[in-house]
Amino acid sequence: MTIFNNHSTEILILIFLIITFLQSGIDKMIDWKGNVSFITGHFKNSPLKNSVPLLLGVVLFIEVLASVLMVFGVYQLITSDESIIALIGLEFSAITLIMLLIGQRLAKDYAGAMALTVYFILTVFGMFLLQ
C-alpha cells in the first residue's frame, strides 16, 4: 500500500502545480497594483500593453480555478480513485500556461517563455497519467 492509493505520481504532480498556481494567484490578489505595474512595464512594447489589467484578471481567475479543481481532484483521487476533476484542473493549468507563453512571446521575453516549458511538460505528463 502506498500513501497515495496507487496515484502517487499523479498526486505529487498535482500538489506541485497547486502550490505553483495557488501561490501565483494569491500573490496577484495580495499585490494587485504591484503586479499590474510590473507586468505593464514588461509589456510596454507589445500589443498587450493596454490590456494588462484585464488579461491579468483572466489569468488570475484561471489560475485559481485550476488550483481549486486540482485540490478537489487530489481529494477525489485519494477517496474514490476517480480522476476527472484533477484532469480538468490540469487542463485549465495547461490553458493558463499557454496564455502566459503567448504573453511572454509577444513581450519578446524568450527566456521567460522557455522557463514555462518545464511547467507545461509536467502538466501534460500529469494529464497523460490521468487519462
C-alpha atoms as a PDB file:
ATOM      1  CA  MET A   1       0.000   0.000   0.000  1.00  0.00           C
ATOM      2  CA  THR A   2       1.238   3.452  -0.844  1.00  0.00           C
ATOM      3  CA  ILE A   3       0.429   6.674   0.910  1.00  0.00           C
ATOM      4  CA  PHE A   4      -1.442   7.992  -2.124  1.00  0.00           C
ATOM      5  CA  ASN A   5      -3.608   4.989  -3.191  1.00  0.00           C
ATOM      6  CA  ASN A   6      -1.639   3.944  -6.282  1.00  0.00           C
ATOM      7  CA  HIS A   7      -1.661   7.509  -7.642  1.00  0.00           C
ATOM      8  CA  SER A   8       1.490   8.839  -6.043  1.00  0.00           C
ATOM      9  CA  THR A   9       2.960  10.280  -9.247  1.00  0.00           C
ATOM     10  CA  GLU A  10      -0.264  11.984 -10.250  1.00  0.00           C
ATOM     11  CA  ILE A  11      -0.873  13.382  -6.773  1.00  0.00           C
ATOM     12  CA  LEU A  12       2.677  14.705  -6.448  1.00  0.00           C
ATOM     13  CA  ILE A  13       2.361  16.438  -9.837  1.00  0.00           C
ATOM     14  CA  LEU A  14      -0.975  17.910  -8.773  1.00  0.00           C
ATOM     15  CA  ILE A  15       0.444  19.125  -5.445  1.00  0.00           C
ATOM     16  CA  PHE A  16       3.389  20.743  -7.228  1.00  0.00           C
ATOM     17  CA  LEU A  17       1.062  22.560  -9.633  1.00  0.00           C
ATOM     18  CA  ILE A  18      -1.380  23.510  -6.856  1.00  0.00           C
ATOM     19  CA  ILE A  19       1.462  25.193  -4.990  1.00  0.00           C
ATOM     20  CA  THR A  20       2.664  26.910  -8.164  1.00  0.00           C
ATOM     21  CA  PHE A  21      -0.682  28.276  -9.345  1.00  0.00           C
ATOM     22  CA  LEU A  22      -2.252  28.950  -5.943  1.00  0.00           C
ATOM     23  CA  GLN A  23       0.808  30.917  -4.767  1.00  0.00           C
ATOM     24  CA  SER A  24       0.776  32.872  -8.023  1.00  0.00           C
ATOM     25  CA  GLY A  25      -2.933  33.626  -7.676  1.00  0.00           C
ATOM     26  CA  ILE A  26      -2.625  34.646  -4.023  1.00  0.00           C
ATOM     27  CA  ASP A  27       0.314  36.910  -4.880  1.00  0.00           C
ATOM     28  CA  LYS A  28      -1.744  38.609  -7.601  1.00  0.00           C
ATOM     29  CA  MET A  29      -4.657  39.136  -5.188  1.00  0.00           C
ATOM     30  CA  ILE A  30      -2.498  40.470  -2.352  1.00  0.00           C
ATOM     31  CA  ASP A  31      -0.383  42.776  -4.526  1.00  0.00           C
ATOM     32  CA  TRP A  32      -2.661  43.542  -7.465  1.00  0.00           C
ATOM     33  CA  LYS A  33      -1.269  47.053  -8.062  1.00  0.00           C
ATOM     34  CA  GLY A  34       2.336  45.877  -7.889  1.00  0.00           C
ATOM     35  CA  ASN A  35       1.659  43.042 -10.320  1.00  0.00           C
ATOM     36  CA  VAL A  36      -0.192  45.306 -12.758  1.00  0.00           C
ATOM     37  CA  SER A  37       2.646  47.830 -12.582  1.00  0.00           C
ATOM     38  CA  PHE A  38       5.340  45.197 -13.150  1.00  0.00           C
ATOM     39  CA  ILE A  39       3.518  43.471 -15.975  1.00  0.00           C
ATOM     40  CA  THR A  40       2.565  46.756 -17.648  1.00  0.00           C
ATOM     41  CA  GLY A  41       6.268  47.578 -17.775  1.00  0.00           C
ATOM     42  CA  HIS A  42       7.061  44.101 -19.039  1.00  0.00           C
ATOM     43  CA  PHE A  43       4.566  44.510 -21.901  1.00  0.00           C
ATOM     44  CA  LYS A  44       5.246  48.175 -22.694  1.00  0.00           C
ATOM     45  CA  ASN A  45       6.424  47.349 -26.232  1.00  0.00           C
ATOM     46  CA  SER A  46       3.874  44.657 -27.016  1.00  0.00           C
ATOM     47  CA  PRO A  47       0.366  44.685 -28.460  1.00  0.00           C
ATOM     48  CA  LEU A  48      -0.918  43.747 -24.984  1.00  0.00           C
ATOM     49  CA  LYS A  49       0.257  46.954 -23.273  1.00  0.00           C
ATOM     50  CA  ASN A  50      -3.239  48.465 -22.988  1.00  0.00           C
ATOM     51  CA  SER A  51      -4.940  45.260 -21.830  1.00  0.00           C
ATOM     52  CA  VAL A  52      -2.739  44.269 -18.890  1.00  0.00           C
ATOM     53  CA  PRO A  53      -5.285  44.599 -16.040  1.00  0.00           C
ATOM     54  CA  LEU A  54      -7.980  42.693 -17.941  1.00  0.00           C
ATOM     55  CA  LEU A  55      -5.632  39.938 -19.083  1.00  0.00           C
ATOM     56  CA  LEU A  56      -4.052  39.670 -15.635  1.00  0.00           C
ATOM     57  CA  GLY A  57      -7.539  39.232 -14.178  1.00  0.00           C
ATOM     58  CA  VAL A  58      -8.276  36.451 -16.650  1.00  0.00           C
ATOM     59  CA  VAL A  59      -5.013  34.690 -15.790  1.00  0.00           C
ATOM     60  CA  LEU A  60      -5.735  35.112 -12.073  1.00  0.00           C
ATOM     61  CA  PHE A  61      -9.210  33.615 -12.430  1.00  0.00           C
ATOM     62  CA  ILE A  62      -7.999  30.591 -14.398  1.00  0.00           C
ATOM     63  CA  GLU A  63      -5.024  30.006 -12.056  1.00  0.00           C
ATOM     64  CA  VAL A  64      -7.289  29.971  -9.015  1.00  0.00           C
ATOM     65  CA  LEU A  65      -9.899  27.835 -10.797  1.00  0.00           C
ATOM     66  CA  ALA A  66      -7.215  25.331 -11.829  1.00  0.00           C
ATOM     67  CA  SER A  67      -5.861  25.236  -8.267  1.00  0.00           C
ATOM     68  CA  VAL A  68      -9.267  24.640  -6.699  1.00  0.00           C
ATOM     69  CA  LEU A  69     -10.077  21.911  -9.207  1.00  0.00           C
ATOM     70  CA  MET A  70      -6.723  20.231  -8.589  1.00  0.00           C
ATOM     71  CA  VAL A  71      -7.240  20.340  -4.796  1.00  0.00           C
ATOM     72  CA  PHE A  72     -10.615  18.636  -5.204  1.00  0.00           C
ATOM     73  CA  GLY A  73      -9.030  16.328  -7.766  1.00  0.00           C
ATOM     74  CA  VAL A  74      -6.421  15.150  -5.256  1.00  0.00           C
ATOM     75  CA  TYR A  75      -9.176  14.501  -2.739  1.00  0.00           C
ATOM     76  CA  GLN A  76     -11.198  12.607  -5.352  1.00  0.00           C
ATOM     77  CA  LEU A  77      -8.186  10.509  -6.396  1.00  0.00           C
ATOM     78  CA  ILE A  78      -7.452   9.550  -2.797  1.00  0.00           C
ATOM     79  CA  THR A  79     -11.028   8.839  -1.729  1.00  0.00           C
ATOM     80  CA  SER A  80     -12.704   7.370  -4.797  1.00  0.00           C
ATOM     81  CA  ASP A  81      -9.964   6.598  -7.325  1.00  0.00           C
ATOM     82  CA  GLU A  82     -11.635   8.998  -9.823  1.00  0.00           C
ATOM     83  CA  SER A  83      -9.569  11.439 -11.849  1.00  0.00           C
ATOM     84  CA  ILE A  84     -11.960  13.646 -13.834  1.00  0.00           C
ATOM     85  CA  ILE A  85     -11.764  16.737 -11.603  1.00  0.00           C
ATOM     86  CA  ALA A  86      -7.965  16.516 -11.406  1.00  0.00           C
ATOM     87  CA  LEU A  87      -7.798  16.168 -15.185  1.00  0.00           C
ATOM     88  CA  ILE A  88      -9.975  19.241 -15.699  1.00  0.00           C
ATOM     89  CA  GLY A  89      -7.743  21.151 -13.266  1.00  0.00           C
ATOM     90  CA  LEU A  90      -4.686  20.136 -15.260  1.00  0.00           C
ATOM     91  CA  GLU A  91      -6.400  21.203 -18.474  1.00  0.00           C
ATOM     92  CA  PHE A  92      -7.004  24.663 -17.001  1.00  0.00           C
ATOM     93  CA  SER A  93      -3.358  24.705 -15.904  1.00  0.00           C
ATOM     94  CA  ALA A  94      -2.288  23.978 -19.468  1.00  0.00           C
ATOM     95  CA  ILE A  95      -4.547  26.745 -20.787  1.00  0.00           C
ATOM     96  CA  THR A  96      -3.017  29.170 -18.269  1.00  0.00           C
ATOM     97  CA  LEU A  97       0.481  28.210 -19.327  1.00  0.00           C
ATOM     98  CA  ILE A  98      -0.366  28.673 -22.998  1.00  0.00           C
ATOM     99  CA  MET A  99      -1.771  32.140 -22.244  1.00  0.00           C
ATOM    100  CA  LEU A 100       1.404  33.003 -20.316  1.00  0.00           C
ATOM    101  CA  LEU A 101       3.524  31.675 -23.185  1.00  0.00           C
ATOM    102  CA  ILE A 102       1.701  33.881 -25.692  1.00  0.00           C
ATOM    103  CA  GLY A 103       2.303  36.877 -23.436  1.00  0.00           C
ATOM    104  CA  GLN A 104       5.979  36.106 -22.988  1.00  0.00           C
ATOM    105  CA  ARG A 105       6.490  35.640 -26.717  1.00  0.00           C
ATOM    106  CA  LEU A 106       4.676  38.891 -27.552  1.00  0.00           C
ATOM    107  CA  ALA A 107       6.811  40.698 -24.964  1.00  0.00           C
ATOM    108  CA  LYS A 108       9.872  39.116 -26.603  1.00  0.00           C
ATOM    109  CA  ASP A 109      10.855  37.562 -23.279  1.00  0.00           C
ATOM    110  CA  TYR A 110      12.155  34.369 -24.791  1.00  0.00           C
ATOM    111  CA  ALA A 111      13.902  33.208 -21.605  1.00  0.00           C
ATOM    112  CA  GLY A 112      10.629  33.613 -19.692  1.00  0.00           C
ATOM    113  CA  ALA A 113       8.792  31.718 -22.400  1.00  0.00           C
ATOM    114  CA  MET A 114      11.361  28.938 -22.257  1.00  0.00           C
ATOM    115  CA  ALA A 115      11.014  28.669 -18.468  1.00  0.00           C
ATOM    116  CA  LEU A 116       7.286  27.918 -18.891  1.00  0.00           C
ATOM    117  CA  THR A 117       8.182  24.815 -20.893  1.00  0.00           C
ATOM    118  CA  VAL A 118       9.081  22.842 -17.768  1.00  0.00           C
ATOM    119  CA  TYR A 119       5.686  23.564 -16.197  1.00  0.00           C
ATOM    120  CA  PHE A 120       3.892  22.741 -19.431  1.00  0.00           C
ATOM    121  CA  ILE A 121       5.688  19.398 -19.840  1.00  0.00           C
ATOM    122  CA  LEU A 122       4.853  18.468 -16.246  1.00  0.00           C
ATOM    123  CA  THR A 123       1.209  19.472 -16.763  1.00  0.00           C
ATOM    124  CA  VAL A 124       0.831  17.469 -19.976  1.00  0.00           C
ATOM    125  CA  PHE A 125       2.553  14.480 -18.366  1.00  0.00           C
ATOM    126  CA  GLY A 126       0.056  14.679 -15.485  1.00  0.00           C
ATOM    127  CA  MET A 127      -2.804  14.777 -17.995  1.00  0.00           C
ATOM    128  CA  PHE A 128      -1.344  11.740 -19.749  1.00  0.00           C
ATOM    129  CA  LEU A 129      -1.187   9.802 -16.483  1.00  0.00           C
ATOM    130  CA  LEU A 130      -4.763  10.663 -15.539  1.00  0.00           C
ATOM    131  CA  GLN A 131      -6.326   9.602 -18.835  1.00  0.00           C
END
